[in-house]
Amino acid sequence: DADMEAVSGHLAANLAPHLISTEPCVQPFRAFAYPLDPILFLNVTRKIVAQERLRVPAESIFRLRSDRVLDPMKPRLRIGYMSSDFGGHTVGSLIRNILRIHNRNRVSVVGIGMMKGDGTEWNLEMERSTDEWLSIHGMGDHAAAFAVDALEVHILVDLNGHSKGARVGVLLRRPAPVIISYLGYPSTSGDMSDSIVTDRWASPPETHALYTK
């Protein structure tokens, strides 16, 4: 209708990729509710990430250290799973078994909770399913990124994307050499991660141009 056309027109005029500003923008997860052109939705995500990147001082971005490279004498890959949904949530129900079934001779599993533990059996079970557990609930972005960096994981799996509870400011500080988006958000991260684990159902081939990675 006319109102939605006006909204789309306003967004189109203010979301060109080269326009980086601090003006408020609709959050990507909420933008799913709007009948936006797919390219416009992509630009919403890019703008949110660009705005957050402006708030990250260059000196607070972690650099890959030589000691983070996998030691051939200790070939256990350290994988960190970061989420605000380790509990009674759809993401929690889908990830709980994955945390358990990693081959512990080859992989060390680190859980990074972004939420306040709810004390449910699922929440406690997921904590017990990891080799190490870190809660960054209540930490600012820099402190949280510093704590995640100290875990020295090789791969950080972000299970939130731009859904509720996301910590974009932590991911943009690069607390791990490789950052992967998985499971919790059915769209592009907008250059917040290096790659995405998905399939042809969640990301049909005709939508690949709408992903930044």
Protein backbone atom coordinates (compact mmCIF):
# COMPACT_ATOMS: atom_id res chain seq x y z
CA ASP A 1 0.00 0.00 0.00
CA ALA A 2 0.95 3.66 -0.04
CA ASP A 3 2.43 3.63 3.47
CA MET A 4 4.70 0.70 2.74
CA GLU A 5 5.78 2.24 -0.56
CA ALA A 6 6.72 5.38 1.37
CA VAL A 7 8.74 3.31 3.89
CA SER A 8 10.52 1.43 1.11
CA GLY A 9 11.25 4.68 -0.72
CA HIS A 10 12.73 6.25 2.41
CA LEU A 11 14.90 3.20 3.11
CA ALA A 12 16.09 3.02 -0.49
CA ALA A 13 17.15 6.66 -0.37
CA ASN A 14 19.11 6.20 2.85
CA LEU A 15 20.58 2.74 2.52
CA ALA A 16 22.87 3.02 -0.47
CA PRO A 17 26.04 1.07 0.41
CA HIS A 18 28.25 4.16 0.08
CA LEU A 19 26.17 6.10 2.62
CA ILE A 20 27.61 5.37 6.07
CA SER A 21 26.00 7.38 8.82
CA THR A 22 25.09 7.07 12.47
CA GLU A 23 21.40 7.74 11.83
CA PRO A 24 19.12 5.06 13.32
CA CYS A 25 18.27 2.16 11.06
CA VAL A 26 15.80 -0.69 11.42
CA GLN A 27 17.49 -3.83 12.78
CA PRO A 28 17.95 -6.61 10.19
CA PHE A 29 15.96 -9.17 12.21
CA ARG A 30 12.99 -6.80 12.45
CA ALA A 31 13.32 -5.96 8.76
CA PHE A 32 12.11 -9.49 7.97
CA ALA A 33 8.63 -8.19 8.79
CA TYR A 34 8.78 -5.64 5.95
CA PRO A 35 8.09 -6.59 2.32
CA LEU A 36 11.44 -5.14 1.26
CA ASP A 37 13.26 -5.67 -1.98
CA PRO A 38 16.01 -8.25 -1.25
CA ILE A 39 18.79 -5.81 -2.18
CA LEU A 40 17.29 -3.28 0.20
CA PHE A 41 17.31 -5.89 2.97
CA LEU A 42 20.99 -6.60 2.24
CA ASN A 43 21.72 -2.88 2.51
CA VAL A 44 19.93 -2.73 5.88
CA THR A 45 22.32 -5.38 7.18
CA ARG A 46 25.37 -3.70 5.69
CA LYS A 47 24.44 -0.37 7.23
CA ILE A 48 23.95 -1.82 10.71
CA VAL A 49 27.38 -3.48 10.53
CA ALA A 50 28.99 -0.32 9.12
CA GLN A 51 27.49 1.75 11.94
CA GLU A 52 28.78 -0.65 14.56
CA ARG A 53 32.21 -0.73 12.90
CA LEU A 54 32.46 3.04 13.38
CA ARG A 55 32.23 2.44 17.13
CA VAL A 56 35.12 -0.05 17.18
CA PRO A 57 38.51 1.67 17.67
CA ALA A 58 41.18 0.22 15.40
CA GLU A 59 43.42 -0.51 18.38
CA SER A 60 40.75 -2.75 19.92
CA ILE A 61 40.71 -5.16 16.96
CA PHE A 62 42.66 -8.30 17.77
CA ARG A 63 45.36 -9.53 15.41
CA LEU A 64 46.18 -13.15 14.74
CA ARG A 65 49.15 -14.22 16.82
CA SER A 66 51.57 -16.93 15.71
CA ASP A 67 50.72 -19.02 18.79
CA ARG A 68 47.10 -19.29 17.59
CA VAL A 69 48.17 -21.53 14.70
CA LEU A 70 47.24 -25.17 15.28
CA ASP A 71 50.18 -26.97 16.88
CA PRO A 72 50.88 -30.18 14.89
CA MET A 73 52.06 -31.80 18.14
CA LYS A 74 48.73 -31.01 19.80
CA PRO A 75 46.26 -31.33 16.92
CA ARG A 76 43.09 -30.50 18.85
CA LEU A 77 41.15 -27.85 17.03
CA ARG A 78 39.56 -25.39 19.46
CA ILE A 79 36.04 -24.47 18.33
CA GLY A 80 34.03 -21.88 20.22
CA TYR A 81 30.24 -21.70 19.99
CA MET A 82 28.84 -18.30 20.96
CA SER A 83 25.12 -17.80 21.57
CA SER A 84 22.49 -16.07 23.68
CA ASP A 85 20.24 -19.11 23.23
CA PHE A 86 21.93 -21.90 25.19
CA GLY A 87 18.73 -22.97 26.91
CA GLY A 88 15.05 -23.47 26.16
CA HIS A 89 15.20 -21.99 22.68
CA THR A 90 14.99 -23.42 19.17
CA VAL A 91 18.70 -22.80 18.60
CA GLY A 92 19.47 -24.47 21.91
CA SER A 93 17.43 -27.54 21.00
CA LEU A 94 19.27 -27.86 17.68
CA ILE A 95 22.80 -27.25 18.95
CA ARG A 96 22.72 -29.32 22.15
CA ASN A 97 23.60 -32.62 20.47
CA ILE A 98 26.25 -31.04 18.24
CA LEU A 99 28.16 -29.91 21.32
CA ARG A 100 28.29 -33.51 22.55
CA ILE A 101 29.19 -35.41 19.39
CA HIS A 102 32.47 -33.72 18.46
CA ASN A 103 35.41 -36.12 18.45
CA ARG A 104 37.19 -34.99 21.61
CA ASN A 105 40.45 -36.55 20.39
CA ARG A 106 40.49 -33.97 17.63
CA VAL A 107 38.34 -31.09 18.86
CA SER A 108 38.09 -29.07 22.06
CA VAL A 109 34.66 -27.46 22.43
CA VAL A 110 34.30 -24.07 24.11
CA GLY A 111 30.90 -22.59 24.96
CA ILE A 112 30.46 -18.81 25.16
CA GLY A 113 27.16 -17.78 26.67
CA MET A 114 25.91 -14.28 25.96
CA MET A 115 22.87 -14.63 28.19
CA LYS A 116 22.32 -14.90 31.90
CA GLY A 117 22.07 -18.61 32.64
CA ASP A 118 18.42 -19.53 33.15
CA GLY A 119 19.21 -22.57 35.30
CA THR A 120 17.12 -24.89 33.15
CA GLU A 121 18.26 -28.46 32.59
CA TRP A 122 18.96 -27.69 28.93
CA ASN A 123 21.12 -24.73 29.87
CA LEU A 124 23.09 -26.76 32.41
CA GLU A 125 23.36 -29.70 30.03
CA MET A 126 24.91 -27.53 27.33
CA GLU A 127 27.43 -26.10 29.78
CA ARG A 128 28.40 -29.64 30.80
CA SER A 129 28.73 -30.65 27.13
CA THR A 130 31.62 -28.24 26.59
CA ASP A 131 35.26 -28.58 27.63
CA GLU A 132 35.33 -24.95 28.71
CA TRP A 133 32.57 -22.44 29.41
CA LEU A 134 32.67 -18.65 29.43
CA SER A 135 29.82 -16.28 30.21
CA ILE A 136 30.14 -12.80 28.70
CA HIS A 137 26.74 -11.70 30.00
CA GLY A 138 27.03 -8.22 31.47
CA MET A 139 30.41 -7.49 29.84
CA GLY A 140 30.95 -4.57 27.48
CA ASP A 141 31.95 -5.41 23.92
CA HIS A 142 35.69 -4.79 24.38
CA ALA A 143 35.89 -6.72 27.65
CA ALA A 144 33.87 -9.57 26.14
CA ALA A 145 36.06 -9.69 23.02
CA PHE A 146 39.18 -9.69 25.23
CA ALA A 147 37.78 -12.63 27.23
CA VAL A 148 36.91 -14.56 24.07
CA ASP A 149 40.34 -13.85 22.57
CA ALA A 150 41.94 -15.22 25.75
CA LEU A 151 40.24 -18.57 25.09
CA GLU A 152 42.47 -18.90 21.99
CA VAL A 153 39.91 -20.68 19.85
CA HIS A 154 40.81 -21.36 16.23
CA ILE A 155 37.22 -21.11 14.94
CA LEU A 156 34.43 -19.06 16.52
CA VAL A 157 30.91 -20.12 15.52
CA ASP A 158 28.36 -17.33 15.98
CA LEU A 159 24.88 -18.79 16.51
CA ASN A 160 23.04 -15.45 16.66
CA GLY A 161 23.74 -13.49 13.51
CA HIS A 162 21.54 -10.40 13.84
CA SER A 163 18.88 -12.04 15.99
CA LYS A 164 17.96 -10.92 19.51
CA GLY A 165 20.96 -10.90 21.82
CA ALA A 166 23.54 -10.55 19.01
CA ARG A 167 26.94 -9.05 19.94
CA VAL A 168 28.05 -7.43 16.69
CA GLY A 169 30.62 -5.28 18.51
CA VAL A 170 32.33 -8.38 19.89
CA LEU A 171 32.61 -10.10 16.51
CA LEU A 172 33.91 -6.99 14.75
CA ARG A 173 36.85 -6.96 17.17
CA ARG A 174 37.95 -10.28 15.62
CA PRO A 175 38.57 -12.38 18.77
CA ALA A 176 39.27 -15.47 16.63
CA PRO A 177 41.14 -16.13 13.36
CA VAL A 178 38.03 -17.56 11.67
CA ILE A 179 34.44 -16.52 12.44
CA ILE A 180 31.55 -18.55 11.03
CA SER A 181 27.82 -17.83 11.07
CA TYR A 182 25.57 -20.80 11.69
CA LEU A 183 22.02 -21.79 12.54
CA GLY A 184 20.46 -18.84 14.37
CA TYR A 185 19.96 -16.35 11.54
CA PRO A 186 18.70 -17.15 8.02
CA SER A 187 20.49 -14.42 6.09
CA THR A 188 23.81 -12.65 5.51
CA SER A 189 25.88 -11.37 8.41
CA GLY A 190 26.88 -8.29 6.42
CA ASP A 191 30.66 -8.92 6.66
CA MET A 192 30.44 -9.69 10.36
CA SER A 193 31.74 -13.21 9.76
CA ASP A 194 34.05 -14.91 7.26
CA SER A 195 31.58 -17.50 6.04
CA ILE A 196 28.23 -19.10 6.73
CA VAL A 197 27.24 -22.73 7.15
CA THR A 198 23.92 -23.20 5.38
CA ASP A 199 22.18 -25.32 2.76
CA ARG A 200 20.10 -24.90 -0.37
CA TRP A 201 16.88 -24.81 1.61
CA ALA A 202 17.85 -21.98 3.94
CA SER A 203 19.90 -20.23 1.24
CA PRO A 204 18.54 -21.14 -2.21
CA PRO A 205 21.05 -20.71 -5.06
CA GLU A 206 19.11 -17.76 -6.47
CA THR A 207 19.75 -15.82 -3.23
CA HIS A 208 23.55 -16.21 -3.19
CA ALA A 209 24.08 -12.69 -4.55
CA LEU A 210 22.43 -11.39 -1.37
CA TYR A 211 25.20 -12.76 0.83
CA THR A 212 28.40 -10.86 1.54
CA LYS A 213 30.29 -14.13 1.94
